[in-house]
């Protein structure tokens, strides 16, 4: 029998006012590029630590109502 190590990580971070201003002026292409860079960095982090055949990373920005905190999502 073989064993497989599966690491699942979910993290959420609400943008502060400064980050909201920065994000608001980015074009859709710039937003996609920043998300791509973050995704690549996370993949590289795991690739450096694990001899993995498969690394799947999903990064996205979601819009939530002002009154919702990350812990409520």
N, C-alpha and C. Protein backbone atom coordinates (compact mmCIF):
# COMPACT_ATOMS: atom_id res chain seq x y z
N UNK A 1 0.84 -1.18 0.00
CA UNK A 1 0.00 0.00 0.00
C UNK A 1 0.88 1.24 0.00
N UNK A 2 0.54 2.21 -0.83
CA UNK A 2 1.25 3.48 -0.86
C UNK A 2 0.44 4.53 -0.11
N UNK A 3 1.14 5.50 0.37
CA UNK A 3 0.49 6.62 1.05
C UNK A 3 0.76 7.90 0.26
N UNK A 4 -0.19 8.80 0.31
CA UNK A 4 -0.08 10.07 -0.40
C UNK A 4 -0.22 11.20 0.60
N UNK A 5 0.70 12.14 0.55
CA UNK A 5 0.60 13.34 1.38
C UNK A 5 -0.21 14.37 0.61
N UNK A 6 -1.30 14.81 1.19
CA UNK A 6 -2.15 15.83 0.58
C UNK A 6 -2.15 17.04 1.50
N UNK A 7 -1.74 18.18 0.98
CA UNK A 7 -1.71 19.41 1.76
C UNK A 7 -2.74 20.36 1.14
N UNK A 8 -3.75 20.73 1.92
CA UNK A 8 -4.76 21.67 1.46
C UNK A 8 -4.70 22.91 2.33
N UNK A 9 -4.54 24.04 1.71
CA UNK A 9 -4.42 25.30 2.45
C UNK A 9 -5.43 26.29 1.89
N UNK A 10 -6.18 26.91 2.77
CA UNK A 10 -7.08 27.99 2.38
C UNK A 10 -6.78 29.18 3.27
N UNK A 11 -6.56 30.31 2.68
CA UNK A 11 -6.34 31.52 3.45
C UNK A 11 -7.11 32.66 2.80
N UNK A 12 -7.63 33.54 3.62
CA UNK A 12 -8.38 34.70 3.12
C UNK A 12 -7.84 35.93 3.82
N UNK A 13 -7.67 36.99 3.06
CA UNK A 13 -7.15 38.23 3.60
C UNK A 13 -7.96 39.38 3.02
N UNK A 14 -8.59 40.16 3.87
CA UNK A 14 -9.38 41.30 3.41
C UNK A 14 -8.43 42.45 3.11
N UNK A 15 -8.59 43.05 1.93
CA UNK A 15 -7.76 44.19 1.55
C UNK A 15 -7.99 45.35 2.51
N UNK A 16 -6.90 46.00 2.91
CA UNK A 16 -7.04 47.23 3.68
C UNK A 16 -7.31 48.38 2.70
N UNK A 17 -7.52 49.58 3.21
CA UNK A 17 -7.87 50.72 2.36
C UNK A 17 -6.81 50.99 1.29
N UNK A 18 -5.55 50.89 1.67
CA UNK A 18 -4.46 51.13 0.71
C UNK A 18 -4.48 50.11 -0.42
N UNK A 19 -4.66 48.84 -0.08
CA UNK A 19 -4.70 47.80 -1.10
C UNK A 19 -5.93 47.94 -1.98
N UNK A 20 -7.06 48.36 -1.41
CA UNK A 20 -8.27 48.60 -2.21
C UNK A 20 -8.01 49.68 -3.26
N UNK A 21 -7.28 50.75 -2.88
CA UNK A 21 -6.96 51.82 -3.82
C UNK A 21 -6.06 51.30 -4.94
N UNK A 22 -5.07 50.52 -4.59
CA UNK A 22 -4.15 49.95 -5.59
C UNK A 22 -4.92 49.04 -6.53
N UNK A 23 -5.73 48.16 -5.97
CA UNK A 23 -6.48 47.19 -6.78
C UNK A 23 -7.45 47.88 -7.73
N UNK A 24 -8.05 48.97 -7.26
CA UNK A 24 -9.06 49.67 -8.06
C UNK A 24 -8.49 50.25 -9.35
N UNK A 25 -7.23 50.63 -9.37
CA UNK A 25 -6.65 51.24 -10.57
C UNK A 25 -5.99 50.24 -11.50
N UNK A 26 -5.88 48.99 -11.09
CA UNK A 26 -5.28 47.98 -11.96
C UNK A 26 -6.24 47.60 -13.08
N UNK A 27 -5.69 47.36 -14.25
CA UNK A 27 -6.50 46.85 -15.36
C UNK A 27 -6.77 45.37 -15.11
N UNK A 28 -7.75 44.80 -15.78
CA UNK A 28 -7.98 43.35 -15.63
C UNK A 28 -6.73 42.53 -15.94
N UNK A 29 -5.95 42.97 -16.92
CA UNK A 29 -4.71 42.26 -17.27
C UNK A 29 -3.70 42.34 -16.13
N UNK A 30 -3.57 43.51 -15.52
CA UNK A 30 -2.65 43.67 -14.40
C UNK A 30 -3.09 42.84 -13.20
N UNK A 31 -4.39 42.80 -12.97
CA UNK A 31 -4.91 41.98 -11.87
C UNK A 31 -4.59 40.51 -12.11
N UNK A 32 -4.82 40.05 -13.34
CA UNK A 32 -4.54 38.65 -13.68
C UNK A 32 -3.05 38.35 -13.54
N UNK A 33 -2.21 39.31 -13.93
CA UNK A 33 -0.76 39.12 -13.81
C UNK A 33 -0.34 38.98 -12.35
N UNK A 34 -0.88 39.83 -11.50
CA UNK A 34 -0.54 39.76 -10.07
C UNK A 34 -0.99 38.43 -9.45
N UNK A 35 -2.18 37.99 -9.83
CA UNK A 35 -2.67 36.70 -9.35
C UNK A 35 -1.77 35.58 -9.86
N UNK A 36 -1.35 35.67 -11.11
CA UNK A 36 -0.46 34.66 -11.68
C UNK A 36 0.87 34.59 -10.96
N UNK A 37 1.41 35.74 -10.60
CA UNK A 37 2.68 35.79 -9.86
C UNK A 37 2.51 35.14 -8.49
N UNK A 38 1.43 35.47 -7.80
CA UNK A 38 1.18 34.88 -6.48
C UNK A 38 1.05 33.37 -6.59
N UNK A 39 0.31 32.91 -7.59
CA UNK A 39 0.11 31.48 -7.81
C UNK A 39 1.46 30.79 -8.06
N UNK A 40 2.28 31.38 -8.91
CA UNK A 40 3.59 30.80 -9.22
C UNK A 40 4.49 30.73 -7.99
N UNK A 41 4.43 31.75 -7.14
CA UNK A 41 5.23 31.75 -5.91
C UNK A 41 4.80 30.63 -4.97
N UNK A 42 3.51 30.40 -4.85
CA UNK A 42 3.01 29.33 -3.97
C UNK A 42 3.40 27.97 -4.54
N UNK A 43 3.26 27.79 -5.85
CA UNK A 43 3.66 26.54 -6.48
C UNK A 43 5.15 26.29 -6.23
N UNK A 44 5.97 27.32 -6.41
CA UNK A 44 7.42 27.17 -6.20
C UNK A 44 7.74 26.82 -4.76
N UNK A 45 7.03 27.42 -3.82
CA UNK A 45 7.23 27.11 -2.40
C UNK A 45 7.05 25.62 -2.14
N UNK A 46 5.96 25.05 -2.65
CA UNK A 46 5.71 23.63 -2.44
C UNK A 46 6.65 22.77 -3.26
N UNK A 47 7.00 23.19 -4.45
CA UNK A 47 7.92 22.43 -5.30
C UNK A 47 9.29 22.34 -4.64
N UNK A 48 9.71 23.40 -3.95
CA UNK A 48 11.00 23.39 -3.26
C UNK A 48 11.01 22.43 -2.08
N UNK A 49 9.86 22.22 -1.46
CA UNK A 49 9.78 21.40 -0.25
C UNK A 49 9.38 19.95 -0.52
N UNK A 50 8.66 19.70 -1.59
CA UNK A 50 8.13 18.37 -1.86
C UNK A 50 8.53 17.90 -3.25
N UNK A 51 8.78 16.62 -3.37
CA UNK A 51 9.03 16.03 -4.68
C UNK A 51 7.67 15.59 -5.21
N UNK A 52 6.89 16.57 -5.61
CA UNK A 52 5.49 16.32 -5.94
C UNK A 52 5.28 16.19 -7.44
N UNK A 53 4.42 15.26 -7.80
CA UNK A 53 4.04 15.10 -9.19
C UNK A 53 2.94 16.08 -9.57
N UNK A 54 2.21 16.57 -8.60
CA UNK A 54 1.08 17.45 -8.88
C UNK A 54 0.96 18.52 -7.81
N UNK A 55 0.93 19.76 -8.26
CA UNK A 55 0.69 20.88 -7.36
C UNK A 55 -0.38 21.73 -8.02
N UNK A 56 -1.51 21.87 -7.36
CA UNK A 56 -2.61 22.66 -7.88
C UNK A 56 -2.85 23.83 -6.93
N UNK A 57 -2.81 25.02 -7.45
CA UNK A 57 -3.02 26.22 -6.64
C UNK A 57 -4.10 27.06 -7.30
N UNK A 58 -5.04 27.53 -6.51
CA UNK A 58 -6.08 28.43 -6.99
C UNK A 58 -5.97 29.74 -6.22
N UNK A 59 -5.90 30.84 -6.94
CA UNK A 59 -5.87 32.16 -6.32
C UNK A 59 -6.94 32.99 -7.01
N UNK A 60 -7.76 33.66 -6.22
CA UNK A 60 -8.80 34.51 -6.80
C UNK A 60 -9.12 35.65 -5.83
N UNK A 61 -9.68 36.69 -6.37
CA UNK A 61 -10.15 37.81 -5.57
C UNK A 61 -11.67 37.82 -5.68
N UNK A 62 -12.33 37.83 -4.54
CA UNK A 62 -13.80 37.85 -4.50
C UNK A 62 -14.26 39.16 -3.89
N UNK A 63 -15.37 39.66 -4.37
CA UNK A 63 -15.97 40.84 -3.77
C UNK A 63 -16.99 40.38 -2.74
N UNK A 64 -16.89 40.94 -1.53
CA UNK A 64 -17.82 40.59 -0.46
C UNK A 64 -18.44 41.87 0.10
N UNK A 65 -19.62 41.76 0.71
CA UNK A 65 -20.24 42.95 1.31
C UNK A 65 -19.34 43.53 2.41
N UNK A 66 -19.40 44.83 2.59
CA UNK A 66 -18.57 45.53 3.58
C UNK A 66 -18.68 44.93 4.98
N UNK A 67 -19.88 44.52 5.38
CA UNK A 67 -20.09 44.07 6.75
C UNK A 67 -19.62 42.64 7.02
N UNK A 68 -19.21 41.92 5.99
CA UNK A 68 -18.76 40.54 6.16
C UNK A 68 -17.27 40.52 6.43
N UNK A 69 -16.88 39.81 7.50
CA UNK A 69 -15.47 39.64 7.80
C UNK A 69 -15.01 38.31 7.24
N UNK A 70 -13.69 38.11 7.07
CA UNK A 70 -13.21 36.84 6.51
C UNK A 70 -13.66 35.62 7.29
N UNK A 71 -13.80 35.75 8.61
CA UNK A 71 -14.21 34.61 9.42
C UNK A 71 -15.65 34.21 9.19
N UNK A 72 -16.45 35.12 8.65
CA UNK A 72 -17.86 34.83 8.40
C UNK A 72 -18.08 34.19 7.04
N UNK A 73 -17.10 34.25 6.15
CA UNK A 73 -17.23 33.69 4.80
C UNK A 73 -17.12 32.20 4.82
